[in-house]
Amino acid sequence: MELLHKDKTEIIIGIMFDVYNELGSGYREKYYERAIIKDSESKNIPVSSQINLPVKYKGEKIGNSRLDILFFDLILIELKVGKRFIRKDFDQINEYLKLLKLEVGLLILFSPEGVKFRRVVNIN
């Protein structure tokens, strides 16, 4: 079975490792995000960050979510810093994928042991 947006997700994962190899561990999420944006822009890769997304109920706005990074207008990236993923991380990226009607996202963890990632597919 072919992975969704395989070529693009491989490029993104490569950027994550490039950033980690340069910075190492121990930084706040926002610094990794800034480095990812700089690296992506230097490679002419379409990227947006800190995107406000309204949450609506019956057509009325009831709140906002803020997305970390969107690559190629197709692939959502949710960044985390810590030792391991937790259930809440998966719930969060699934919520965002559903709101944006995107097919795939990457949950990225910058940990003391290196970069960890999980591919998350929107099943809705």
PDB file of N, CA and C in Angstrom:
ATOM      1  N   MET A   1       0.845  -1.181   0.000  1.00  0.00           N
ATOM      2  CA  MET A   1       0.000   0.000   0.000  1.00  0.00           C
ATOM      3  C   MET A   1       0.893   1.248   0.000  1.00  0.00           C
ATOM      4  N   GLU A   2       0.631   2.143  -0.903  1.00  0.00           N
ATOM      5  CA  GLU A   2       1.414   3.382  -1.039  1.00  0.00           C
ATOM      6  C   GLU A   2       0.989   4.387   0.033  1.00  0.00           C
ATOM      7  N   LEU A   3       1.958   4.997   0.680  1.00  0.00           N
ATOM      8  CA  LEU A   3       1.679   6.017   1.688  1.00  0.00           C
ATOM      9  C   LEU A   3       1.222   7.313   1.021  1.00  0.00           C
ATOM     10  N   LEU A   4       0.281   8.000   1.652  1.00  0.00           N
ATOM     11  CA  LEU A   4      -0.197   9.281   1.142  1.00  0.00           C
ATOM     12  C   LEU A   4       0.922  10.314   1.170  1.00  0.00           C
ATOM     13  N   HIS A   5       1.108  11.003   0.074  1.00  0.00           N
ATOM     14  CA  HIS A   5       2.095  12.091  -0.028  1.00  0.00           C
ATOM     15  C   HIS A   5       3.486  11.654   0.449  1.00  0.00           C
ATOM     16  N   LYS A   6       3.858  10.440   0.074  1.00  0.00           N
ATOM     17  CA  LYS A   6       5.117   9.834   0.533  1.00  0.00           C
ATOM     18  C   LYS A   6       6.334  10.707   0.240  1.00  0.00           C
ATOM     19  N   ASP A   7       6.472  11.181  -0.994  1.00  0.00           N
ATOM     20  CA  ASP A   7       7.650  11.981  -1.359  1.00  0.00           C
ATOM     21  C   ASP A   7       7.742  13.259  -0.533  1.00  0.00           C
ATOM     22  N   LYS A   8       6.614  13.916  -0.358  1.00  0.00           N
ATOM     23  CA  LYS A   8       6.607  15.173   0.398  1.00  0.00           C
ATOM     24  C   LYS A   8       6.872  14.940   1.884  1.00  0.00           C
ATOM     25  N   THR A   9       6.292  13.884   2.446  1.00  0.00           N
ATOM     26  CA  THR A   9       6.544  13.627   3.868  1.00  0.00           C
ATOM     27  C   THR A   9       8.004  13.240   4.104  1.00  0.00           C
ATOM     28  N   GLU A  10       8.624  12.571   3.155  1.00  0.00           N
ATOM     29  CA  GLU A  10      10.050  12.247   3.295  1.00  0.00           C
ATOM     30  C   GLU A  10      10.901  13.516   3.306  1.00  0.00           C
ATOM     31  N   ILE A  11      10.553  14.488   2.473  1.00  0.00           N
ATOM     32  CA  ILE A  11      11.262  15.779   2.470  1.00  0.00           C
ATOM     33  C   ILE A  11      11.114  16.457   3.832  1.00  0.00           C
ATOM     34  N   ILE A  12       9.893  16.469   4.344  1.00  0.00           N
ATOM     35  CA  ILE A  12       9.614  17.115   5.632  1.00  0.00           C
ATOM     36  C   ILE A  12      10.391  16.440   6.762  1.00  0.00           C
ATOM     37  N   ILE A  13      10.370  15.126   6.788  1.00  0.00           N
ATOM     38  CA  ILE A  13      11.092  14.391   7.831  1.00  0.00           C
ATOM     39  C   ILE A  13      12.588  14.688   7.743  1.00  0.00           C
ATOM     40  N   GLY A  14      13.108  14.798   6.539  1.00  0.00           N
ATOM     41  CA  GLY A  14      14.513  15.165   6.359  1.00  0.00           C
ATOM     42  C   GLY A  14      14.829  16.525   6.962  1.00  0.00           C
ATOM     43  N   ILE A  15      13.918  17.478   6.787  1.00  0.00           N
ATOM     44  CA  ILE A  15      14.099  18.814   7.375  1.00  0.00           C
ATOM     45  C   ILE A  15      14.135  18.722   8.897  1.00  0.00           C
ATOM     46  N   MET A  16      13.263  17.905   9.462  1.00  0.00           N
ATOM     47  CA  MET A  16      13.233  17.754  10.923  1.00  0.00           C
ATOM     48  C   MET A  16      14.580  17.240  11.442  1.00  0.00           C
ATOM     49  N   PHE A  17      15.144  16.266  10.748  1.00  0.00           N
ATOM     50  CA  PHE A  17      16.443  15.731  11.164  1.00  0.00           C
ATOM     51  C   PHE A  17      17.560  16.752  10.953  1.00  0.00           C
ATOM     52  N   ASP A  18      17.484  17.519   9.874  1.00  0.00           N
ATOM     53  CA  ASP A  18      18.484  18.576   9.653  1.00  0.00           C
ATOM     54  C   ASP A  18      18.472  19.581  10.805  1.00  0.00           C
ATOM     55  N   VAL A  19      17.273  19.986  11.201  1.00  0.00           N
ATOM     56  CA  VAL A  19      17.136  20.956  12.293  1.00  0.00           C
ATOM     57  C   VAL A  19      17.664  20.360  13.599  1.00  0.00           C
ATOM     58  N   TYR A  20      17.292  19.127  13.881  1.00  0.00           N
ATOM     59  CA  TYR A  20      17.757  18.501  15.120  1.00  0.00           C
ATOM     60  C   TYR A  20      19.276  18.335  15.118  1.00  0.00           C
ATOM     61  N   ASN A  21      19.829  17.932  13.994  1.00  0.00           N
ATOM     62  CA  ASN A  21      21.282  17.752  13.914  1.00  0.00           C
ATOM     63  C   ASN A  21      22.026  19.057  14.155  1.00  0.00           C
ATOM     64  N   GLU A  22      21.422  20.160  13.782  1.00  0.00           N
ATOM     65  CA  GLU A  22      22.044  21.473  13.993  1.00  0.00           C
ATOM     66  C   GLU A  22      21.833  21.983  15.424  1.00  0.00           C
ATOM     67  N   LEU A  23      20.604  21.862  15.934  1.00  0.00           N
ATOM     68  CA  LEU A  23      20.279  22.426  17.248  1.00  0.00           C
ATOM     69  C   LEU A  23      20.488  21.456  18.411  1.00  0.00           C
ATOM     70  N   GLY A  24      20.234  20.182  18.171  1.00  0.00           N
ATOM     71  CA  GLY A  24      20.253  19.222  19.271  1.00  0.00           C
ATOM     72  C   GLY A  24      18.976  19.311  20.084  1.00  0.00           C
ATOM     73  N   SER A  25      19.024  18.785  21.293  1.00  0.00           N
ATOM     74  CA  SER A  25      17.818  18.773  22.131  1.00  0.00           C
ATOM     75  C   SER A  25      17.865  19.891  23.163  1.00  0.00           C
ATOM     76  N   GLY A  26      16.730  20.094  23.818  1.00  0.00           N
ATOM     77  CA  GLY A  26      16.681  21.012  24.943  1.00  0.00           C
ATOM     78  C   GLY A  26      16.098  22.382  24.673  1.00  0.00           C
ATOM     79  N   TYR A  27      15.654  22.641  23.453  1.00  0.00           N
ATOM     80  CA  TYR A  27      15.077  23.948  23.136  1.00  0.00           C
ATOM     81  C   TYR A  27      13.560  23.907  23.231  1.00  0.00           C
ATOM     82  N   ARG A  28      12.979  25.089  23.310  1.00  0.00           N
ATOM     83  CA  ARG A  28      11.522  25.195  23.288  1.00  0.00           C
ATOM     84  C   ARG A  28      11.015  24.955  21.875  1.00  0.00           C
ATOM     85  N   GLU A  29       9.757  24.572  21.808  1.00  0.00           N
ATOM     86  CA  GLU A  29       9.110  24.260  20.532  1.00  0.00           C
ATOM     87  C   GLU A  29       9.231  25.404  19.530  1.00  0.00           C
ATOM     88  N   LYS A  30       9.064  26.635  19.995  1.00  0.00           N
ATOM     89  CA  LYS A  30       9.063  27.769  19.070  1.00  0.00           C
ATOM     90  C   LYS A  30      10.404  27.928  18.355  1.00  0.00           C
ATOM     91  N   TYR A  31      11.507  27.540  18.989  1.00  0.00           N
ATOM     92  CA  TYR A  31      12.808  27.667  18.332  1.00  0.00           C
ATOM     93  C   TYR A  31      12.996  26.597  17.258  1.00  0.00           C
ATOM     94  N   TYR A  32      12.505  25.402  17.531  1.00  0.00           N
ATOM     95  CA  TYR A  32      12.536  24.372  16.486  1.00  0.00           C
ATOM     96  C   TYR A  32      11.665  24.809  15.310  1.00  0.00           C
ATOM     97  N   GLU A  33      10.504  25.356  15.629  1.00  0.00           N
ATOM     98  CA  GLU A  33       9.597  25.815  14.572  1.00  0.00           C
ATOM     99  C   GLU A  33      10.258  26.881  13.703  1.00  0.00           C
ATOM    100  N   ARG A  34      10.890  27.844  14.325  1.00  0.00           N
ATOM    101  CA  ARG A  34      11.560  28.900  13.557  1.00  0.00           C
ATOM    102  C   ARG A  34      12.665  28.330  12.672  1.00  0.00           C
ATOM    103  N   ALA A  35      13.423  27.387  13.198  1.00  0.00           N
ATOM    104  CA  ALA A  35      14.489  26.762  12.410  1.00  0.00           C
ATOM    105  C   ALA A  35      13.909  25.962  11.243  1.00  0.00           C
ATOM    106  N   ILE A  36      12.803  25.276  11.479  1.00  0.00           N
ATOM    107  CA  ILE A  36      12.144  24.506  10.414  1.00  0.00           C
ATOM    108  C   ILE A  36      11.678  25.439   9.304  1.00  0.00           C
ATOM    109  N   ILE A  37      11.084  26.557   9.669  1.00  0.00           N
ATOM    110  CA  ILE A  37      10.606  27.526   8.678  1.00  0.00           C
ATOM    111  C   ILE A  37      11.778  28.072   7.874  1.00  0.00           C
ATOM    112  N   LYS A  38      12.850  28.473   8.547  1.00  0.00           N
ATOM    113  CA  LYS A  38      14.033  29.011   7.847  1.00  0.00           C
ATOM    114  C   LYS A  38      14.619  27.979   6.887  1.00  0.00           C
ATOM    115  N   ASP A  39      14.745  26.743   7.350  1.00  0.00           N
ATOM    116  CA  ASP A  39      15.309  25.686   6.515  1.00  0.00           C
ATOM    117  C   ASP A  39      14.418  25.416   5.303  1.00  0.00           C
ATOM    118  N   SER A  40      13.124  25.364   5.525  1.00  0.00           N
ATOM    119  CA  SER A  40      12.169  25.101   4.438  1.00  0.00           C
ATOM    120  C   SER A  40      12.190  26.216   3.407  1.00  0.00           C
ATOM    121  N   GLU A  41      12.179  27.453   3.878  1.00  0.00           N
ATOM    122  CA  GLU A  41      12.198  28.594   2.955  1.00  0.00           C
ATOM    123  C   GLU A  41      13.493  28.630   2.155  1.00  0.00           C
ATOM    124  N   SER A  42      14.614  28.260   2.778  1.00  0.00           N
ATOM    125  CA  SER A  42      15.890  28.256   2.053  1.00  0.00           C
ATOM    126  C   SER A  42      15.903  27.200   0.953  1.00  0.00           C
ATOM    127  N   LYS A  43      15.032  26.191   1.087  1.00  0.00           N
ATOM    128  CA  LYS A  43      14.926  25.122   0.084  1.00  0.00           C
ATOM    129  C   LYS A  43      13.730  25.337  -0.842  1.00  0.00           C
ATOM    130  N   ASN A  44      13.104  26.511  -0.743  1.00  0.00           N
ATOM    131  CA  ASN A  44      11.926  26.853  -1.556  1.00  0.00           C
ATOM    132  C   ASN A  44      10.787  25.847  -1.403  1.00  0.00           C
ATOM    133  N   ILE A  45      10.589  25.393  -0.196  1.00  0.00           N
ATOM    134  CA  ILE A  45       9.501  24.464   0.094  1.00  0.00           C
ATOM    135  C   ILE A  45       8.341  25.271   0.670  1.00  0.00           C
ATOM    136  N   PRO A  46       7.146  25.146   0.089  1.00  0.00           N
ATOM    137  CA  PRO A  46       5.992  25.913   0.569  1.00  0.00           C
ATOM    138  C   PRO A  46       5.628  25.538   2.008  1.00  0.00           C
ATOM    139  N   VAL A  47       5.650  26.542   2.881  1.00  0.00           N
ATOM    140  CA  VAL A  47       5.394  26.297   4.294  1.00  0.00           C
ATOM    141  C   VAL A  47       4.695  27.507   4.914  1.00  0.00           C
ATOM    142  N   SER A  48       3.781  27.237   5.835  1.00  0.00           N
ATOM    143  CA  SER A  48       3.096  28.270   6.622  1.00  0.00           C
ATOM    144  C   SER A  48       3.168  27.842   8.078  1.00  0.00           C
ATOM    145  N   SER A  49       3.136  28.834   8.976  1.00  0.00           N
ATOM    146  CA  SER A  49       3.181  28.469  10.396  1.00  0.00           C
ATOM    147  C   SER A  49       2.220  29.321  11.213  1.00  0.00           C
ATOM    148  N   GLN A  50       1.904  28.792  12.393  1.00  0.00           N
ATOM    149  CA  GLN A  50       1.019  29.450  13.354  1.00  0.00           C
ATOM    150  C   GLN A  50      -0.267  29.946  12.682  1.00  0.00           C
ATOM    151  N   ILE A  51      -0.970  29.015  12.103  1.00  0.00           N
ATOM    152  CA  ILE A  51      -2.190  29.297  11.354  1.00  0.00           C
ATOM    153  C   ILE A  51      -3.384  29.260  12.306  1.00  0.00           C
ATOM    154  N   ASN A  52      -4.145  30.348  12.345  1.00  0.00           N
ATOM    155  CA  ASN A  52      -5.369  30.380  13.145  1.00  0.00           C
ATOM    156  C   ASN A  52      -6.481  29.676  12.386  1.00  0.00           C
ATOM    157  N   LEU A  53      -7.166  28.804  13.082  1.00  0.00           N
ATOM    158  CA  LEU A  53      -8.242  28.039  12.474  1.00  0.00           C
ATOM    159  C   LEU A  53      -9.493  28.177  13.339  1.00  0.00           C
ATOM    160  N   PRO A  54     -10.536  28.820  12.811  1.00  0.00           N
ATOM    161  CA  PRO A  54     -11.758  28.957  13.606  1.00  0.00           C
ATOM    162  C   PRO A  54     -12.468  27.610  13.780  1.00  0.00           C
ATOM    163  N   VAL A  55     -12.989  27.404  14.968  1.00  0.00           N
ATOM    164  CA  VAL A  55     -13.805  26.227  15.256  1.00  0.00           C
ATOM    165  C   VAL A  55     -15.248  26.712  15.274  1.00  0.00           C
ATOM    166  N   LYS A  56     -16.091  26.038  14.490  1.00  0.00           N
ATOM    167  CA  LYS A  56     -17.480  26.488  14.364  1.00  0.00           C
ATOM    168  C   LYS A  56     -18.455  25.410  14.811  1.00  0.00           C
ATOM    169  N   TYR A  57     -19.573  25.886  15.323  1.00  0.00           N
ATOM    170  CA  TYR A  57     -20.686  25.026  15.681  1.00  0.00           C
ATOM    171  C   TYR A  57     -21.925  25.606  15.023  1.00  0.00           C
ATOM    172  N   LYS A  58     -22.550  24.823  14.161  1.00  0.00           N
ATOM    173  CA  LYS A  58     -23.728  25.266  13.418  1.00  0.00           C
ATOM    174  C   LYS A  58     -23.476  26.603  12.729  1.00  0.00           C
ATOM    175  N   GLY A  59     -22.288  26.707  12.146  1.00  0.00           N
ATOM    176  CA  GLY A  59     -21.939  27.899  11.383  1.00  0.00           C
ATOM    177  C   GLY A  59     -21.463  29.085  12.199  1.00  0.00           C
ATOM    178  N   GLU A  60     -21.485  28.961  13.519  1.00  0.00           N
ATOM    179  CA  GLU A  60     -21.063  30.068  14.382  1.00  0.00           C
ATOM    180  C   GLU A  60     -19.718  29.746  15.036  1.00  0.00           C
ATOM    181  N   LYS A  61     -18.830  30.722  14.999  1.00  0.00           N
ATOM    182  CA  LYS A  61     -17.506  30.547  15.586  1.00  0.00           C
ATOM    183  C   LYS A  61     -17.612  30.418  17.102  1.00  0.00           C
ATOM    184  N   ILE A  62     -17.007  29.346  17.626  1.00  0.00           N
ATOM    185  CA  ILE A  62     -17.021  29.132  19.072  1.00  0.00           C
ATOM    186  C   ILE A  62     -15.613  29.131  19.674  1.00  0.00           C
ATOM    187  N   GLY A  63     -14.618  29.276  18.814  1.00  0.00           N
ATOM    188  CA  GLY A  63     -13.246  29.301  19.318  1.00  0.00           C
ATOM    189  C   GLY A  63     -12.241  29.245  18.193  1.00  0.00           C
ATOM    190  N   ASN A  64     -10.980  29.150  18.570  1.00  0.00           N
ATOM    191  CA  ASN A  64      -9.881  29.065  17.610  1.00  0.00           C
ATOM    192  C   ASN A  64      -8.922  27.963  18.008  1.00  0.00           C
ATOM    193  N   SER A  65      -8.339  27.350  17.005  1.00  0.00           N
ATOM    194  CA  SER A  65      -7.203  26.462  17.199  1.00  0.00           C
ATOM    195  C   SER A  65      -6.045  27.077  16.441  1.00  0.00           C
ATOM    196  N   ARG A  66      -4.847  26.813  16.901  1.00  0.00           N
ATOM    197  CA  ARG A  66      -3.659  27.342  16.225  1.00  0.00           C
ATOM    198  C   ARG A  66      -2.784  26.169  15.809  1.00  0.00           C
ATOM    199  N   LEU A  67      -2.577  26.076  14.508  1.00  0.00           N
ATOM    200  CA  LEU A  67      -1.783  24.986  13.950  1.00  0.00           C
ATOM    201  C   LEU A  67      -0.315  25.378  13.902  1.00  0.00           C
ATOM    202  N   ASP A  68       0.561  24.410  14.132  1.00  0.00           N
ATOM    203  CA  ASP A  68       1.996  24.704  14.121  1.00  0.00           C
ATOM    204  C   ASP A  68       2.502  25.006  12.715  1.00  0.00           C
ATOM    205  N   ILE A  69       2.489  24.008  11.845  1.00  0.00           N
ATOM    206  CA  ILE A  69       3.094  24.174  10.518  1.00  0.00           C
ATOM    207  C   ILE A  69       2.266  23.414   9.485  1.00  0.00           C
ATOM    208  N   LEU A  70       2.145  24.007   8.301  1.00  0.00           N
ATOM    209  CA  LEU A  70       1.498  23.351   7.170  1.00  0.00           C
ATOM    210  C   LEU A  70       2.454  23.405   5.986  1.00  0.00           C
ATOM    211  N   PHE A  71       2.802  22.237   5.460  1.00  0.00           N
ATOM    212  CA  PHE A  71       3.684  22.135   4.300  1.00  0.00           C
ATOM    213  C   PHE A  71       2.868  21.838   3.047  1.00  0.00           C
ATOM    214  N   PHE A  72       3.227  22.476   1.957  1.00  0.00           N
ATOM    215  CA  PHE A  72       2.642  22.211   0.637  1.00  0.00           C
ATOM    216  C   PHE A  72       1.121  22.394   0.625  1.00  0.00           C
ATOM    217  N   ASP A  73       0.561  23.073   1.620  1.00  0.00           N
ATOM    218  CA  ASP A  73      -0.897  23.184   1.794  1.00  0.00           C
ATOM    219  C   ASP A  73      -1.570  21.818   1.855  1.00  0.00           C
ATOM    220  N   LEU A  74      -0.816  20.792   2.242  1.00  0.00           N
ATOM    221  CA  LEU A  74      -1.312  19.413   2.249  1.00  0.00           C
ATOM    222  C   LEU A  74      -1.035  18.651   3.534  1.00  0.00           C
ATOM    223  N   ILE A  75       0.100  18.951   4.150  1.00  0.00           N
ATOM    224  CA  ILE A  75       0.584  18.100   5.238  1.00  0.00           C
ATOM    225  C   ILE A  75       0.751  18.934   6.506  1.00  0.00           C
ATOM    226  N   LEU A  76      -0.008  18.563   7.513  1.00  0.00           N
ATOM    227  CA  LEU A  76       0.007  19.255   8.792  1.00  0.00           C
ATOM    228  C   LEU A  76       1.120  18.701   9.670  1.00  0.00           C
ATOM    229  N   ILE A  77       1.847  19.596  10.316  1.00  0.00           N
ATOM    230  CA  ILE A  77       2.902  19.207  11.248  1.00  0.00           C
ATOM    231  C   ILE A  77       2.542  19.733  12.627  1.00  0.00           C
ATOM    232  N   GLU A  78       2.530  18.849  13.594  1.00  0.00           N
ATOM    233  CA  GLU A  78       2.332  19.248  14.984  1.00  0.00           C
ATOM    234  C   GLU A  78       3.619  18.925  15.729  1.00  0.00           C
ATOM    235  N   LEU A  79       4.263  19.967  16.241  1.00  0.00           N
ATOM    236  CA  LEU A  79       5.551  19.819  16.923  1.00  0.00           C
ATOM    237  C   LEU A  79       5.364  19.622  18.419  1.00  0.00           C
ATOM    238  N   LYS A  80       6.217  18.784  18.977  1.00  0.00           N
ATOM    239  CA  LYS A  80       6.246  18.566  20.419  1.00  0.00           C
ATOM    240  C   LYS A  80       7.701  18.481  20.861  1.00  0.00           C
ATOM    241  N   VAL A  81       7.942  18.830  22.116  1.00  0.00           N
ATOM    242  CA  VAL A  81       9.255  18.696  22.734  1.00  0.00           C
ATOM    243  C   VAL A  81       9.046  17.885  24.004  1.00  0.00           C
ATOM    244  N   GLY A  82       9.841  16.855  24.188  1.00  0.00           N
ATOM    245  CA  GLY A  82       9.705  16.032  25.388  1.00  0.00           C
ATOM    246  C   GLY A  82      10.376  14.695  25.210  1.00  0.00           C
ATOM    247  N   LYS A  83       9.952  13.736  26.027  1.00  0.00           N
ATOM    248  CA  LYS A  83      10.561  12.404  25.973  1.00  0.00           C
ATOM    249  C   LYS A  83       9.736  11.406  25.170  1.00  0.00           C
ATOM    250  N   ARG A  84       8.416  11.626  25.121  1.00  0.00           N
ATOM    251  CA  ARG A  84       7.566  10.675  24.395  1.00  0.00           C
ATOM    252  C   ARG A  84       6.253  11.353  23.989  1.00  0.00           C
ATOM    253  N   PHE A  85       5.594  10.735  23.042  1.00  0.00           N
ATOM    254  CA  PHE A  85       4.262  11.187  22.649  1.00  0.00           C
ATOM    255  C   PHE A  85       3.272  10.777  23.737  1.00  0.00           C
ATOM    256  N   ILE A  86       2.209  11.572  23.857  1.00  0.00           N
ATOM    257  CA  ILE A  86       1.114  11.189  24.744  1.00  0.00           C
ATOM    258  C   ILE A  86      -0.183  11.186  23.934  1.00  0.00           C
ATOM    259  N   ARG A  87      -1.200  10.556  24.470  1.00  0.00           N
ATOM    260  CA  ARG A  87      -2.482  10.412  23.763  1.00  0.00           C
ATOM    261  C   ARG A  87      -3.027  11.766  23.302  1.00  0.00           C
ATOM    262  N   LYS A  88      -2.887  12.771  24.148  1.00  0.00           N
ATOM    263  CA  LYS A  88      -3.387  14.115  23.833  1.00  0.00           C
ATOM    264  C   LYS A  88      -2.772  14.652  22.533  1.00  0.00           C
ATOM    265  N   ASP A  89      -1.509  14.321  22.265  1.00  0.00           N
ATOM    266  CA  ASP A  89      -0.845  14.766  21.033  1.00  0.00           C
ATOM    267  C   ASP A  89      -1.567  14.216  19.804  1.00  0.00           C
ATOM    268  N   PHE A  90      -1.939  12.935  19.864  1.00  0.00           N
ATOM    269  CA  PHE A  90      -2.634  12.308  18.743  1.00  0.00           C
ATOM    270  C   PHE A  90      -4.046  12.870  18.594  1.00  0.00           C
ATOM    271  N   ASP A  91      -4.706  13.104  19.719  1.00  0.00           N
ATOM    272  CA  ASP A  91      -6.046  13.702  19.675  1.00  0.00           C
ATOM    273  C   ASP A  91      -5.994  15.084  19.030  1.00  0.00           C
ATOM    274  N   GLN A  92      -4.968  15.855  19.382  1.00  0.00           N
ATOM    275  CA  GLN A  92      -4.829  17.216  18.855  1.00  0.00           C
ATOM    276  C   GLN A  92      -4.624  17.213  17.341  1.00  0.00           C
ATOM    277  N   ILE A  93      -3.708  16.407  16.836  1.00  0.00           N
ATOM    278  CA  ILE A  93      -3.457  16.415  15.396  1.00  0.00           C
ATOM    279  C   ILE A  93      -4.657  15.851  14.633  1.00  0.00           C
ATOM    280  N   ASN A  94      -5.342  14.871  15.214  1.00  0.00           N
ATOM    281  CA  ASN A  94      -6.548  14.351  14.562  1.00  0.00           C
ATOM    282  C   ASN A  94      -7.634  15.415  14.470  1.00  0.00           C
ATOM    283  N   GLU A  95      -7.777  16.214  15.516  1.00  0.00           N
ATOM    284  CA  GLU A  95      -8.749  17.316  15.495  1.00  0.00           C
ATOM    285  C   GLU A  95      -8.419  18.295  14.369  1.00  0.00           C
ATOM    286  N   TYR A  96      -7.153  18.663  14.251  1.00  0.00           N
ATOM    287  CA  TYR A  96      -6.736  19.620  13.230  1.00  0.00           C
ATOM    288  C   TYR A  96      -6.916  19.055  11.821  1.00  0.00           C
ATOM    289  N   LEU A  97      -6.574  17.791  11.633  1.00  0.00           N
ATOM    290  CA  LEU A  97      -6.757  17.169  10.318  1.00  0.00           C
ATOM    291  C   LEU A  97      -8.233  17.193   9.924  1.00  0.00           C
ATOM    292  N   LYS A  98      -9.089  16.910  10.882  1.00  0.00           N
ATOM    293  CA  LYS A  98     -10.530  16.915  10.629  1.00  0.00           C
ATOM    294  C   LYS A  98     -11.016  18.323  10.281  1.00  0.00           C
ATOM    295  N   LEU A  99     -10.595  19.325  11.064  1.00  0.00           N
ATOM    296  CA  LEU A  99     -11.022  20.704  10.815  1.00  0.00           C
ATOM    297  C   LEU A  99     -10.572  21.207   9.443  1.00  0.00           C
ATOM    298  N   LEU A 100      -9.359  20.835   9.049  1.00  0.00           N
ATOM    299  CA  LEU A 100      -8.809  21.291   7.767  1.00  0.00           C
ATOM    300  C   LEU A 100      -9.165  20.383   6.593  1.00  0.00           C
ATOM    301  N   LYS A 101      -9.754  19.232   6.914  1.00  0.00           N
ATOM    302  CA  LYS A 101     -10.078  18.236   5.887  1.00  0.00           C
ATOM    303  C   LYS A 101      -8.820  17.811   5.120  1.00  0.00           C
ATOM    304  N   LEU A 102      -7.741  17.613   5.870  1.00  0.00           N
ATOM    305  CA  LEU A 102      -6.487  17.137   5.291  1.00  0.00           C
ATOM    306  C   LEU A 102      -6.387  15.630   5.474  1.00  0.00           C
ATOM    307  N   GLU A 103      -5.640  14.992   4.580  1.00  0.00           N
ATOM    308  CA  GLU A 103      -5.519  13.537   4.617  1.00  0.00           C
ATOM    309  C   GLU A 103      -4.454  13.032   5.583  1.00  0.00           C
ATOM    310  N   VAL A 104      -3.360  13.786   5.707  1.00  0.00           N
ATOM    311  CA  VAL A 104      -2.237  13.256   6.476  1.00  0.00           C
ATOM    312  C   VAL A 104      -1.517  14.361   7.243  1.00  0.00           C
ATOM    313  N   GLY A 105      -1.008  13.974   8.402  1.00  0.00           N
ATOM    314  CA  GLY A 105      -0.195  14.875   9.205  1.00  0.00           C
ATOM    315  C   GLY A 105       0.968  14.113   9.805  1.00  0.00           C
ATOM    316  N   LEU A 106       1.924  14.866  10.295  1.00  0.00           N
ATOM    317  CA  LEU A 106       3.066  14.270  10.984  1.00  0.00           C
ATOM    318  C   LEU A 106       3.155  14.860  12.380  1.00  0.00           C
ATOM    319  N   LEU A 107       3.175  13.988  13.351  1.00  0.00           N
ATOM    320  CA  LEU A 107       3.408  14.378  14.728  1.00  0.00           C
ATOM    321  C   LEU A 107       4.906  14.231  14.954  1.00  0.00           C
ATOM    322  N   ILE A 108       5.563  15.337  15.272  1.00  0.00           N
ATOM    323  CA  ILE A 108       7.025  15.370  15.389  1.00  0.00           C
ATOM    324  C   ILE A 108       7.406  15.651  16.838  1.00  0.00           C
ATOM    325  N   LEU A 109       8.311  14.845  17.372  1.00  0.00           N
ATOM    326  CA  LEU A 109       8.795  15.020  18.740  1.00  0.00           C
ATOM    327  C   LEU A 109      10.304  15.231  18.720  1.00  0.00           C
ATOM    328  N   PHE A 110      10.734  16.368  19.251  1.00  0.00           N
ATOM    329  CA  PHE A 110      12.157  16.623  19.457  1.00  0.00           C
ATOM    330  C   PHE A 110      12.469  16.180  20.886  1.00  0.00           C
ATOM    331  N   SER A 111      13.198  15.082  21.008  1.00  0.00           N
ATOM    332  CA  SER A 111      13.465  14.486  22.317  1.00  0.00           C
ATOM    333  C   SER A 111      14.967  14.412  22.573  1.00  0.00           C
ATOM    334  N   PRO A 112      15.365  14.126  23.809  1.00  0.00           N
ATOM    335  CA  PRO A 112      16.797  13.964  24.090  1.00  0.00           C
ATOM    336  C   PRO A 112      17.428  12.820  23.286  1.00  0.00           C
ATOM    337  N   GLU A 113      16.611  11.861  22.858  1.00  0.00           N
ATOM    338  CA  GLU A 113      17.104  10.723  22.075  1.00  0.00           C
ATOM    339  C   GLU A 113      17.100  10.987  20.576  1.00  0.00           C
ATOM    340  N   GLY A 114      16.603  12.135  20.158  1.00  0.00           N
ATOM    341  CA  GLY A 114      16.553  12.456  18.730  1.00  0.00           C
ATOM    342  C   GLY A 114      15.151  12.826  18.283  1.00  0.00           C
ATOM    343  N   VAL A 115      14.969  12.862  16.970  1.00  0.00           N
ATOM    344  CA  VAL A 115      13.664  13.181  16.391  1.00  0.00           C
ATOM    345  C   VAL A 115      12.844  11.899  16.305  1.00  0.00           C
ATOM    346  N   LYS A 116      11.614  11.985  16.766  1.00  0.00           N
ATOM    347  CA  LYS A 116      10.672  10.873  16.619  1.00  0.00           C
ATOM    348  C   LYS A 116       9.483  11.417  15.844  1.00  0.00           C
ATOM    349  N   PHE A 117       8.895  10.575  15.027  1.00  0.00           N
ATOM    350  CA  PHE A 117       7.733  11.041  14.279  1.00  0.00           C
ATOM    351  C   PHE A 117       6.722   9.924  14.116  1.00  0.00           C
ATOM    352  N   ARG A 118       5.475  10.335  13.969  1.00  0.00           N
ATOM    353  CA  ARG A 118       4.379   9.414  13.684  1.00  0.00           C
ATOM    354  C   ARG A 118       3.542  10.023  12.570  1.00  0.00           C
ATOM    355  N   ARG A 119       3.252   9.213  11.596  1.00  0.00           N
ATOM    356  CA  ARG A 119       2.363   9.600  10.502  1.00  0.00           C
ATOM    357  C   ARG A 119       0.934   9.385  10.995  1.00  0.00           C
ATOM    358  N   VAL A 120       0.094  10.390  10.823  1.00  0.00           N
ATOM    359  CA  VAL A 120      -1.298  10.308  11.265  1.00  0.00           C
ATOM    360  C   VAL A 120      -2.184  10.536  10.048  1.00  0.00           C
ATOM    361  N   VAL A 121      -3.087   9.591   9.806  1.00  0.00           N
ATOM    362  CA  VAL A 121      -3.978   9.666   8.650  1.00  0.00           C
ATOM    363  C   VAL A 121      -5.383  10.000   9.129  1.00  0.00           C
ATOM    364  N   ASN A 122      -6.015  10.955   8.450  1.00  0.00           N
ATOM    365  CA  ASN A 122      -7.389  11.349   8.756  1.00  0.00           C
ATOM    366  C   ASN A 122      -8.319  10.290   8.190  1.00  0.00           C
ATOM    367  N   ILE A 123      -9.001   9.583   9.053  1.00  0.00           N
ATOM    368  CA  ILE A 123      -9.884   8.511   8.594  1.00  0.00           C
ATOM    369  C   ILE A 123     -11.314   8.986   8.377  1.00  0.00           C
ATOM    370  N   ASN A 124     -11.586  10.255   8.648  1.00  0.00           N
ATOM    371  CA  ASN A 124     -12.944  10.801   8.448  1.00  0.00           C
ATOM    372  C   ASN A 124     -13.149  11.237   7.019  1.00  0.00           C
TER     373      ASN A 124
END
